[in-house]
Amino acid sequence: MAASRNWLLLLPPLVFLAFAAVAWLGLRREAPDELPSALVGQPAPTVASVGALHDNPVPTDADLRAPGVKLVNFYASWCGPCRVEHPLLMELAGEGLPIVGINYKDDPEAVRAWMDEQGNPFAMVGTDDSGRVGIDWGIYGVPETFVVAGDGTILMRYPGPLTPAAVRDRLRPAMAAAE
C-alpha cells in the first residue's frame, strides 16, 4: 500500500515535466505566433466565386496562373490592421508588383470610401461576401497575404498586417525565389 502512495507522489512532477516539454517545443518553433498553411507548395484555390467590386477588374483563376509573381491580399475596410498595412501595399503596387485584392465580408460602399481616401493598390479586386473563398484559402482572419508564383503555386502565406520587416525578410525572398 505504501509503494502505491509513493508512486502517486511522483505524478504531479511528471505531469509538470510533460507540460514543460510541450511548452518548450512550442516556443522553439521558428514563428510561434504563425499557424502553418497547408497550401504552401500547392496550386492556389479557385477565385471563381468572387464578385465584382464597383468598376475594378475581377480576378480569375487564369490571372493567378499568369506569368510572374503576384500577391493575393485578403482585406476589409473594417479591419484596423488592414489599414495599417495599406501604405505598404500602395508602395509595392507602385513598384509594379501585381496585387490581387480579395475584399472579405465587407460593405461595398465602405470599401469605395476607403479606396477613395487611401488609394487602390490592387490590379484586380474581388469580393468574398460569404467568406467561402477565404475558407478555401485557409485564412484565419484579415489581413492575410499570399505570394503566388506564375504557375499559380502558393509560395508563402503571411498572416497579419504586412510590416517593412515582413516585406524585407519574408515576402521579397519568397518572390525572388520564384523568379
N, C-alpha and C. Protein backbone atom coordinates (compact mmCIF):
# COMPACT_ATOMS: atom_id res chain seq x y z
N MET A 1 0.81 -1.19 0.00
CA MET A 1 0.00 0.00 0.00
C MET A 1 0.86 1.26 0.00
N ALA A 2 1.94 1.24 0.78
CA ALA A 2 2.82 2.41 0.85
C ALA A 2 3.52 2.65 -0.48
N ALA A 3 3.85 1.57 -1.20
CA ALA A 3 4.52 1.73 -2.50
C ALA A 3 3.60 2.40 -3.51
N SER A 4 2.31 2.11 -3.48
CA SER A 4 1.40 2.73 -4.43
C SER A 4 1.21 4.21 -4.13
N ARG A 5 1.27 4.60 -2.84
CA ARG A 5 1.18 6.02 -2.49
C ARG A 5 2.44 6.76 -2.91
N ASN A 6 3.58 6.13 -2.83
CA ASN A 6 4.83 6.77 -3.26
C ASN A 6 4.79 7.08 -4.75
N TRP A 7 4.22 6.18 -5.52
CA TRP A 7 4.11 6.41 -6.97
C TRP A 7 3.21 7.61 -7.25
N LEU A 8 2.13 7.75 -6.49
CA LEU A 8 1.21 8.88 -6.67
C LEU A 8 1.88 10.21 -6.38
N LEU A 9 2.86 10.21 -5.49
CA LEU A 9 3.60 11.44 -5.19
C LEU A 9 4.43 11.90 -6.40
N LEU A 10 4.81 10.98 -7.24
CA LEU A 10 5.57 11.35 -8.44
C LEU A 10 4.71 11.87 -9.57
N LEU A 11 3.42 11.65 -9.50
CA LEU A 11 2.52 12.03 -10.59
C LEU A 11 2.52 13.54 -10.87
N PRO A 12 2.36 14.43 -9.89
CA PRO A 12 2.36 15.87 -10.20
C PRO A 12 3.67 16.36 -10.87
N PRO A 13 4.85 15.96 -10.38
CA PRO A 13 6.06 16.42 -11.07
C PRO A 13 6.17 15.86 -12.50
N LEU A 14 5.71 14.62 -12.72
CA LEU A 14 5.76 14.06 -14.07
C LEU A 14 4.82 14.80 -15.02
N VAL A 15 3.64 15.14 -14.54
CA VAL A 15 2.70 15.91 -15.36
C VAL A 15 3.29 17.28 -15.68
N PHE A 16 3.90 17.91 -14.67
CA PHE A 16 4.54 19.21 -14.89
C PHE A 16 5.66 19.10 -15.91
N LEU A 17 6.50 18.10 -15.82
CA LEU A 17 7.60 17.93 -16.77
C LEU A 17 7.08 17.69 -18.19
N ALA A 18 6.02 16.94 -18.33
CA ALA A 18 5.43 16.71 -19.66
C ALA A 18 4.91 18.02 -20.23
N PHE A 19 4.20 18.81 -19.42
CA PHE A 19 3.70 20.10 -19.87
C PHE A 19 4.85 21.02 -20.24
N ALA A 20 5.89 21.07 -19.42
CA ALA A 20 7.04 21.93 -19.69
C ALA A 20 7.73 21.54 -21.00
N ALA A 21 7.83 20.25 -21.28
CA ALA A 21 8.45 19.79 -22.52
C ALA A 21 7.63 20.24 -23.74
N VAL A 22 6.32 20.10 -23.66
CA VAL A 22 5.46 20.54 -24.77
C VAL A 22 5.57 22.04 -24.97
N ALA A 23 5.54 22.81 -23.89
CA ALA A 23 5.67 24.26 -23.99
C ALA A 23 7.03 24.65 -24.58
N TRP A 24 8.09 24.01 -24.14
CA TRP A 24 9.42 24.32 -24.64
C TRP A 24 9.52 24.05 -26.15
N LEU A 25 8.96 22.92 -26.59
CA LEU A 25 8.97 22.61 -28.02
C LEU A 25 8.17 23.63 -28.81
N GLY A 26 7.04 24.07 -28.27
CA GLY A 26 6.23 25.07 -28.95
C GLY A 26 6.93 26.41 -29.07
N LEU A 27 7.67 26.78 -28.06
CA LEU A 27 8.39 28.05 -28.10
C LEU A 27 9.60 28.02 -29.03
N ARG A 28 10.08 26.86 -29.36
CA ARG A 28 11.24 26.75 -30.25
C ARG A 28 10.86 26.83 -31.72
N ARG A 29 9.57 26.86 -32.03
CA ARG A 29 9.15 27.00 -33.43
C ARG A 29 9.70 28.29 -33.99
N GLU A 30 9.95 28.29 -35.31
CA GLU A 30 10.53 29.46 -35.97
C GLU A 30 9.65 30.70 -35.82
N ALA A 31 8.35 30.56 -36.02
CA ALA A 31 7.43 31.67 -35.88
C ALA A 31 6.27 31.20 -34.99
N PRO A 32 6.42 31.32 -33.67
CA PRO A 32 5.44 30.73 -32.77
C PRO A 32 4.04 31.34 -32.88
N ASP A 33 3.94 32.57 -33.38
CA ASP A 33 2.63 33.18 -33.50
C ASP A 33 1.96 32.91 -34.84
N GLU A 34 2.59 32.14 -35.69
CA GLU A 34 2.08 31.89 -37.03
C GLU A 34 1.63 30.44 -37.18
N LEU A 35 0.38 30.28 -37.54
CA LEU A 35 -0.13 28.95 -37.81
C LEU A 35 0.30 28.53 -39.21
N PRO A 36 0.72 27.31 -39.41
CA PRO A 36 1.20 26.90 -40.73
C PRO A 36 0.05 26.81 -41.74
N SER A 37 0.40 26.96 -43.01
CA SER A 37 -0.58 26.84 -44.08
C SER A 37 -0.33 25.56 -44.85
N ALA A 38 -1.37 24.78 -45.03
CA ALA A 38 -1.26 23.55 -45.81
C ALA A 38 -1.20 23.84 -47.30
N LEU A 39 -1.42 25.09 -47.69
CA LEU A 39 -1.47 25.44 -49.11
C LEU A 39 -0.10 25.77 -49.70
N VAL A 40 0.89 26.04 -48.87
CA VAL A 40 2.21 26.38 -49.40
C VAL A 40 2.73 25.21 -50.22
N GLY A 41 3.13 25.50 -51.45
CA GLY A 41 3.59 24.47 -52.37
C GLY A 41 2.47 23.84 -53.20
N GLN A 42 1.24 24.27 -52.95
CA GLN A 42 0.08 23.72 -53.65
C GLN A 42 -0.47 24.76 -54.63
N PRO A 43 -1.27 24.32 -55.60
CA PRO A 43 -1.93 25.28 -56.50
C PRO A 43 -2.89 26.18 -55.71
N ALA A 44 -2.94 27.43 -56.11
CA ALA A 44 -3.85 28.37 -55.45
C ALA A 44 -5.29 27.91 -55.63
N PRO A 45 -6.10 27.99 -54.57
CA PRO A 45 -7.52 27.66 -54.71
C PRO A 45 -8.21 28.61 -55.68
N THR A 46 -9.35 28.21 -56.12
CA THR A 46 -10.10 28.99 -57.09
C THR A 46 -10.57 30.32 -56.51
N VAL A 47 -10.69 31.31 -57.37
CA VAL A 47 -11.30 32.59 -57.03
C VAL A 47 -12.53 32.82 -57.91
N ALA A 48 -13.01 31.74 -58.52
CA ALA A 48 -14.12 31.85 -59.48
C ALA A 48 -15.39 32.41 -58.86
N SER A 49 -15.58 32.26 -57.56
CA SER A 49 -16.83 32.71 -56.95
C SER A 49 -16.76 34.13 -56.39
N VAL A 50 -15.63 34.84 -56.58
CA VAL A 50 -15.58 36.22 -56.09
C VAL A 50 -16.48 37.09 -56.95
N GLY A 51 -17.06 38.09 -56.31
CA GLY A 51 -17.92 39.02 -57.03
C GLY A 51 -17.17 40.27 -57.44
N ALA A 52 -17.84 41.08 -58.22
CA ALA A 52 -17.25 42.34 -58.69
C ALA A 52 -17.36 43.40 -57.60
N LEU A 53 -16.39 44.27 -57.55
CA LEU A 53 -16.41 45.40 -56.62
C LEU A 53 -16.31 46.68 -57.44
N HIS A 54 -17.43 47.32 -57.64
CA HIS A 54 -17.52 48.54 -58.42
C HIS A 54 -16.99 48.30 -59.82
N ASP A 55 -16.12 49.16 -60.31
CA ASP A 55 -15.64 49.02 -61.69
C ASP A 55 -14.23 48.41 -61.77
N ASN A 56 -13.78 47.76 -60.70
CA ASN A 56 -12.46 47.13 -60.68
C ASN A 56 -12.48 45.82 -61.47
N PRO A 57 -11.38 45.49 -62.16
CA PRO A 57 -11.31 44.17 -62.81
C PRO A 57 -11.40 43.06 -61.75
N VAL A 58 -12.15 42.02 -62.07
CA VAL A 58 -12.34 40.89 -61.16
C VAL A 58 -11.28 39.83 -61.45
N PRO A 59 -10.58 39.33 -60.42
CA PRO A 59 -9.55 38.31 -60.67
C PRO A 59 -10.17 36.98 -61.09
N THR A 60 -9.45 36.27 -61.94
CA THR A 60 -9.87 34.94 -62.37
C THR A 60 -8.78 33.94 -62.01
N ASP A 61 -9.11 32.68 -62.11
CA ASP A 61 -8.11 31.64 -61.88
C ASP A 61 -6.97 31.76 -62.88
N ALA A 62 -7.28 32.15 -64.12
CA ALA A 62 -6.23 32.33 -65.13
C ALA A 62 -5.28 33.46 -64.73
N ASP A 63 -5.79 34.50 -64.09
CA ASP A 63 -4.92 35.60 -63.63
C ASP A 63 -3.91 35.11 -62.60
N LEU A 64 -4.34 34.18 -61.74
CA LEU A 64 -3.43 33.66 -60.72
C LEU A 64 -2.35 32.77 -61.32
N ARG A 65 -2.61 32.25 -62.52
CA ARG A 65 -1.65 31.37 -63.17
C ARG A 65 -0.92 32.07 -64.32
N ALA A 66 -1.11 33.37 -64.41
CA ALA A 66 -0.41 34.15 -65.44
C ALA A 66 1.05 34.29 -65.05
N PRO A 67 1.93 34.46 -66.03
CA PRO A 67 3.36 34.59 -65.73
C PRO A 67 3.64 35.71 -64.73
N GLY A 68 4.64 35.48 -63.91
CA GLY A 68 5.08 36.48 -62.95
C GLY A 68 4.52 36.25 -61.55
N VAL A 69 5.29 36.70 -60.59
CA VAL A 69 4.90 36.60 -59.18
C VAL A 69 3.84 37.66 -58.89
N LYS A 70 2.91 37.31 -58.03
CA LYS A 70 1.88 38.25 -57.61
C LYS A 70 1.55 38.01 -56.16
N LEU A 71 0.92 38.98 -55.55
CA LEU A 71 0.41 38.83 -54.19
C LEU A 71 -1.10 38.71 -54.24
N VAL A 72 -1.65 37.92 -53.34
CA VAL A 72 -3.09 37.87 -53.12
C VAL A 72 -3.29 38.31 -51.68
N ASN A 73 -4.05 39.40 -51.52
CA ASN A 73 -4.23 40.00 -50.20
C ASN A 73 -5.71 39.99 -49.83
N PHE A 74 -6.03 39.32 -48.72
CA PHE A 74 -7.38 39.34 -48.17
C PHE A 74 -7.45 40.51 -47.19
N TYR A 75 -8.44 41.37 -47.35
CA TYR A 75 -8.53 42.59 -46.56
C TYR A 75 -10.00 42.99 -46.37
N ALA A 76 -10.22 43.99 -45.51
CA ALA A 76 -11.55 44.57 -45.34
C ALA A 76 -11.39 46.00 -44.85
N SER A 77 -12.36 46.85 -45.20
CA SER A 77 -12.28 48.25 -44.77
C SER A 77 -12.51 48.38 -43.26
N TRP A 78 -13.21 47.43 -42.66
CA TRP A 78 -13.48 47.47 -41.22
C TRP A 78 -12.31 46.94 -40.39
N CYS A 79 -11.27 46.47 -41.04
CA CYS A 79 -10.13 45.83 -40.38
C CYS A 79 -9.03 46.86 -40.08
N GLY A 80 -8.81 47.12 -38.80
CA GLY A 80 -7.77 48.07 -38.41
C GLY A 80 -6.38 47.70 -38.92
N PRO A 81 -5.93 46.45 -38.73
CA PRO A 81 -4.61 46.07 -39.24
C PRO A 81 -4.50 46.19 -40.77
N CYS A 82 -5.62 46.03 -41.48
CA CYS A 82 -5.59 46.20 -42.94
C CYS A 82 -5.27 47.65 -43.29
N ARG A 83 -5.78 48.56 -42.50
CA ARG A 83 -5.49 49.98 -42.72
C ARG A 83 -4.03 50.27 -42.44
N VAL A 84 -3.46 49.59 -41.46
CA VAL A 84 -2.05 49.79 -41.11
C VAL A 84 -1.14 49.32 -42.25
N GLU A 85 -1.46 48.19 -42.88
CA GLU A 85 -0.60 47.66 -43.94
C GLU A 85 -0.83 48.33 -45.29
N HIS A 86 -1.92 49.06 -45.43
CA HIS A 86 -2.31 49.63 -46.73
C HIS A 86 -1.21 50.47 -47.39
N PRO A 87 -0.50 51.35 -46.66
CA PRO A 87 0.57 52.11 -47.31
C PRO A 87 1.67 51.22 -47.91
N LEU A 88 1.96 50.09 -47.27
CA LEU A 88 2.95 49.16 -47.83
C LEU A 88 2.45 48.53 -49.13
N LEU A 89 1.16 48.19 -49.15
CA LEU A 89 0.59 47.65 -50.39
C LEU A 89 0.65 48.70 -51.50
N MET A 90 0.38 49.95 -51.16
CA MET A 90 0.47 51.03 -52.16
C MET A 90 1.90 51.15 -52.68
N GLU A 91 2.86 51.02 -51.79
CA GLU A 91 4.28 51.10 -52.18
C GLU A 91 4.65 49.93 -53.10
N LEU A 92 4.24 48.72 -52.74
CA LEU A 92 4.54 47.55 -53.57
C LEU A 92 3.88 47.66 -54.94
N ALA A 93 2.64 48.13 -54.97
CA ALA A 93 1.95 48.32 -56.24
C ALA A 93 2.67 49.37 -57.08
N GLY A 94 3.18 50.41 -56.42
CA GLY A 94 3.93 51.46 -57.12
C GLY A 94 5.21 50.93 -57.75
N GLU A 95 5.75 49.84 -57.21
CA GLU A 95 6.94 49.20 -57.77
C GLU A 95 6.59 48.30 -58.96
N GLY A 96 5.29 48.17 -59.24
CA GLY A 96 4.86 47.35 -60.36
C GLY A 96 4.49 45.92 -59.99
N LEU A 97 4.44 45.61 -58.70
CA LEU A 97 4.05 44.26 -58.28
C LEU A 97 2.54 44.12 -58.39
N PRO A 98 2.06 43.13 -59.15
CA PRO A 98 0.61 42.93 -59.22
C PRO A 98 0.08 42.38 -57.90
N ILE A 99 -0.95 43.05 -57.39
CA ILE A 99 -1.58 42.63 -56.15
C ILE A 99 -3.05 42.38 -56.44
N VAL A 100 -3.49 41.18 -56.10
CA VAL A 100 -4.89 40.80 -56.24
C VAL A 100 -5.53 40.99 -54.88
N GLY A 101 -6.56 41.80 -54.81
CA GLY A 101 -7.27 42.03 -53.56
C GLY A 101 -8.53 41.20 -53.49
N ILE A 102 -8.74 40.55 -52.35
CA ILE A 102 -9.98 39.84 -52.09
C ILE A 102 -10.61 40.53 -50.88
N ASN A 103 -11.66 41.30 -51.14
CA ASN A 103 -12.36 42.01 -50.08
C ASN A 103 -13.24 41.03 -49.32
N TYR A 104 -13.02 40.93 -48.02
CA TYR A 104 -13.62 39.88 -47.20
C TYR A 104 -14.78 40.41 -46.36
N LYS A 105 -15.99 39.91 -46.67
CA LYS A 105 -17.18 40.19 -45.86
C LYS A 105 -17.32 41.67 -45.52
N ASP A 106 -17.42 42.50 -46.52
CA ASP A 106 -17.38 43.94 -46.32
C ASP A 106 -18.54 44.61 -47.04
N ASP A 107 -18.82 45.83 -46.66
CA ASP A 107 -19.83 46.65 -47.30
C ASP A 107 -19.20 47.36 -48.49
N PRO A 108 -19.73 47.17 -49.70
CA PRO A 108 -19.12 47.76 -50.89
C PRO A 108 -18.95 49.28 -50.82
N GLU A 109 -19.89 49.96 -50.20
CA GLU A 109 -19.77 51.43 -50.10
C GLU A 109 -18.67 51.84 -49.14
N ALA A 110 -18.48 51.08 -48.07
CA ALA A 110 -17.37 51.36 -47.14
C ALA A 110 -16.04 51.15 -47.83
N VAL A 111 -15.97 50.12 -48.68
CA VAL A 111 -14.73 49.85 -49.42
C VAL A 111 -14.46 50.99 -50.40
N ARG A 112 -15.51 51.44 -51.09
CA ARG A 112 -15.34 52.54 -52.05
C ARG A 112 -14.81 53.78 -51.34
N ALA A 113 -15.39 54.12 -50.20
CA ALA A 113 -14.94 55.30 -49.45
C ALA A 113 -13.49 55.15 -49.00
N TRP A 114 -13.14 53.96 -48.54
CA TRP A 114 -11.77 53.71 -48.09
C TRP A 114 -10.78 53.83 -49.26
N MET A 115 -11.12 53.23 -50.40
CA MET A 115 -10.24 53.30 -51.57
C MET A 115 -10.14 54.73 -52.10
N ASP A 116 -11.24 55.47 -52.06
CA ASP A 116 -11.18 56.87 -52.50
C ASP A 116 -10.26 57.68 -51.60
N GLU A 117 -10.27 57.38 -50.32
CA GLU A 117 -9.45 58.11 -49.35
C GLU A 117 -7.99 57.65 -49.36
N GLN A 118 -7.76 56.35 -49.38
CA GLN A 118 -6.41 55.80 -49.20
C GLN A 118 -5.72 55.37 -50.49
N GLY A 119 -6.47 55.20 -51.57
CA GLY A 119 -5.91 54.72 -52.83
C GLY A 119 -6.18 53.23 -53.01
N ASN A 120 -6.03 52.78 -54.24
CA ASN A 120 -6.30 51.39 -54.57
C ASN A 120 -5.01 50.73 -55.08
N PRO A 121 -4.41 49.85 -54.27
CA PRO A 121 -3.17 49.20 -54.70
C PRO A 121 -3.39 47.95 -55.55
N PHE A 122 -4.64 47.58 -55.77
CA PHE A 122 -4.95 46.29 -56.37
C PHE A 122 -5.09 46.38 -57.88
N ALA A 123 -4.41 45.47 -58.57
CA ALA A 123 -4.56 45.36 -60.02
C ALA A 123 -5.92 44.78 -60.35
N MET A 124 -6.43 43.92 -59.47
CA MET A 124 -7.74 43.29 -59.59
C MET A 124 -8.32 43.15 -58.20
N VAL A 125 -9.65 43.24 -58.10
CA VAL A 125 -10.31 43.12 -56.80
C VAL A 125 -11.56 42.28 -56.97
N GLY A 126 -11.74 41.36 -56.04
CA GLY A 126 -12.98 40.58 -55.98
C GLY A 126 -13.53 40.66 -54.57
N THR A 127 -14.82 40.41 -54.44
CA THR A 127 -15.44 40.41 -53.12
C THR A 127 -15.77 38.97 -52.70
N ASP A 128 -15.58 38.72 -51.45
CA ASP A 128 -15.90 37.43 -50.86
C ASP A 128 -16.96 37.67 -49.79
N ASP A 129 -18.17 37.93 -50.23
CA ASP A 129 -19.25 38.28 -49.30
C ASP A 129 -19.59 37.15 -48.34
N SER A 130 -19.55 35.92 -48.81
CA SER A 130 -19.93 34.78 -47.97
C SER A 130 -18.78 34.27 -47.11
N GLY A 131 -17.54 34.59 -47.48
CA GLY A 131 -16.37 34.07 -46.77
C GLY A 131 -15.91 32.73 -47.30
N ARG A 132 -16.57 32.20 -48.32
CA ARG A 132 -16.24 30.87 -48.86
C ARG A 132 -14.84 30.84 -49.48
N VAL A 133 -14.48 31.89 -50.21
CA VAL A 133 -13.15 31.92 -50.83
C VAL A 133 -12.08 31.96 -49.74
N GLY A 134 -12.32 32.75 -48.70
CA GLY A 134 -11.39 32.80 -47.58
C GLY A 134 -11.20 31.44 -46.92
N ILE A 135 -12.30 30.71 -46.78
CA ILE A 135 -12.22 29.36 -46.21
C ILE A 135 -11.38 28.46 -47.11
N ASP A 136 -11.62 28.54 -48.42
CA ASP A 136 -10.86 27.71 -49.37
C ASP A 136 -9.36 28.03 -49.32
N TRP A 137 -9.04 29.28 -49.06
CA TRP A 137 -7.63 29.69 -48.98
C TRP A 137 -7.06 29.44 -47.59
N GLY A 138 -7.89 29.07 -46.64
CA GLY A 138 -7.41 28.74 -45.30
C GLY A 138 -7.07 29.94 -44.45
N ILE A 139 -7.70 31.08 -44.72
CA ILE A 139 -7.36 32.25 -43.91
C ILE A 139 -7.98 32.13 -42.53
N TYR A 140 -7.30 32.72 -41.56
CA TYR A 140 -7.78 32.74 -40.18
C TYR A 140 -8.44 34.07 -39.86
N GLY A 141 -8.20 35.07 -40.68
CA GLY A 141 -8.73 36.41 -40.49
C GLY A 141 -8.08 37.32 -41.50
N VAL A 142 -8.39 38.59 -41.41
CA VAL A 142 -7.78 39.55 -42.31
C VAL A 142 -6.91 40.49 -41.49
N PRO A 143 -5.85 40.99 -42.06
CA PRO A 143 -5.34 40.70 -43.39
C PRO A 143 -4.50 39.43 -43.43
N GLU A 144 -4.48 38.83 -44.58
CA GLU A 144 -3.55 37.73 -44.89
C GLU A 144 -3.09 37.93 -46.32
N THR A 145 -1.82 37.65 -46.55
CA THR A 145 -1.22 37.86 -47.87
C THR A 145 -0.51 36.60 -48.30
N PHE A 146 -0.70 36.25 -49.57
CA PHE A 146 -0.08 35.08 -50.16
C PHE A 146 0.82 35.52 -51.31
N VAL A 147 1.98 34.89 -51.42
CA VAL A 147 2.84 35.07 -52.58
C VAL A 147 2.53 33.91 -53.52
N VAL A 148 2.17 34.24 -54.76
CA VAL A 148 1.77 33.23 -55.73
C VAL A 148 2.71 33.30 -56.93
N ALA A 149 3.26 32.15 -57.32
CA ALA A 149 4.18 32.06 -58.46
C ALA A 149 3.38 32.15 -59.77
N GLY A 150 4.11 32.31 -60.86
CA GLY A 150 3.50 32.43 -62.18
C GLY A 150 2.72 31.21 -62.61
N ASP A 151 3.00 30.06 -62.03
CA ASP A 151 2.23 28.86 -62.38
C ASP A 151 1.03 28.66 -61.45
N GLY A 152 0.81 29.61 -60.54
CA GLY A 152 -0.32 29.52 -59.63
C GLY A 152 -0.03 28.80 -58.33
N THR A 153 1.22 28.46 -58.08
CA THR A 153 1.60 27.78 -56.84
C THR A 153 1.76 28.80 -55.72
N ILE A 154 1.21 28.48 -54.56
CA ILE A 154 1.39 29.35 -53.40
C ILE A 154 2.78 29.11 -52.84
N LEU A 155 3.56 30.18 -52.76
CA LEU A 155 4.93 30.09 -52.26
C LEU A 155 5.02 30.37 -50.77
N MET A 156 4.18 31.26 -50.28
CA MET A 156 4.18 31.56 -48.85
C MET A 156 2.89 32.25 -48.46
N ARG A 157 2.61 32.20 -47.18
CA ARG A 157 1.45 32.87 -46.60
C ARG A 157 1.97 33.74 -45.47
N TYR A 158 1.49 34.96 -45.43
CA TYR A 158 1.84 35.84 -44.32
C TYR A 158 0.55 36.27 -43.62
N PRO A 159 0.31 35.78 -42.41
CA PRO A 159 -0.89 36.20 -41.67
C PRO A 159 -0.63 37.51 -40.94
N GLY A 160 -1.63 38.34 -40.89
CA GLY A 160 -1.50 39.60 -40.17
C GLY A 160 -1.05 40.71 -41.08
N PRO A 161 -0.95 41.92 -40.52
CA PRO A 161 -0.58 43.07 -41.34
C PRO A 161 0.88 43.02 -41.77
N LEU A 162 1.11 43.36 -43.02
CA LEU A 162 2.48 43.44 -43.50
C LEU A 162 3.20 44.59 -42.80
N THR A 163 4.46 44.37 -42.54
CA THR A 163 5.33 45.40 -41.96
C THR A 163 6.53 45.54 -42.88
N PRO A 164 7.28 46.63 -42.75
CA PRO A 164 8.50 46.74 -43.57
C PRO A 164 9.44 45.54 -43.36
N ALA A 165 9.57 45.07 -42.13
CA ALA A 165 10.44 43.91 -41.87
C ALA A 165 9.89 42.66 -42.54
N ALA A 166 8.58 42.46 -42.51
CA ALA A 166 7.98 41.28 -43.15
C ALA A 166 8.18 41.33 -44.66
N VAL A 167 8.04 42.51 -45.24
CA VAL A 167 8.26 42.64 -46.69
C VAL A 167 9.72 42.33 -47.01
N ARG A 168 10.63 42.90 -46.24
CA ARG A 168 12.07 42.71 -46.48
C ARG A 168 12.51 41.26 -46.22
N ASP A 169 12.09 40.70 -45.09
CA ASP A 169 12.62 39.40 -44.66
C ASP A 169 11.82 38.20 -45.14
N ARG A 170 10.56 38.39 -45.49
CA ARG A 170 9.73 37.24 -45.85
C ARG A 170 9.22 37.31 -47.30
N LEU A 171 8.54 38.42 -47.65
CA LEU A 171 7.93 38.50 -48.97
C LEU A 171 8.97 38.60 -50.09
N ARG A 172 9.90 39.51 -49.96
CA ARG A 172 10.87 39.69 -51.04
C ARG A 172 11.71 38.42 -51.30
N PRO A 173 12.19 37.73 -50.26
CA PRO A 173 12.91 36.47 -50.55
C PRO A 173 12.02 35.43 -51.23
N ALA A 174 10.76 35.33 -50.82
CA ALA A 174 9.86 34.37 -51.46
C ALA A 174 9.62 34.74 -52.93
N MET A 175 9.46 36.03 -53.18
CA MET A 175 9.25 36.48 -54.56
C MET A 175 10.50 36.25 -55.40
N ALA A 176 11.66 36.52 -54.82
CA ALA A 176 12.92 36.34 -55.55
C ALA A 176 13.15 34.87 -55.89
N ALA A 177 12.76 33.99 -54.99
CA ALA A 177 12.93 32.55 -55.23
C ALA A 177 12.06 32.06 -56.38
N ALA A 178 10.98 32.76 -56.64
CA ALA A 178 10.05 32.36 -57.70
C ALA A 178 10.49 32.83 -59.07
N GLU A 179 11.36 33.80 -59.11
CA GLU A 179 11.75 34.37 -60.41
C GLU A 179 12.84 33.58 -61.07
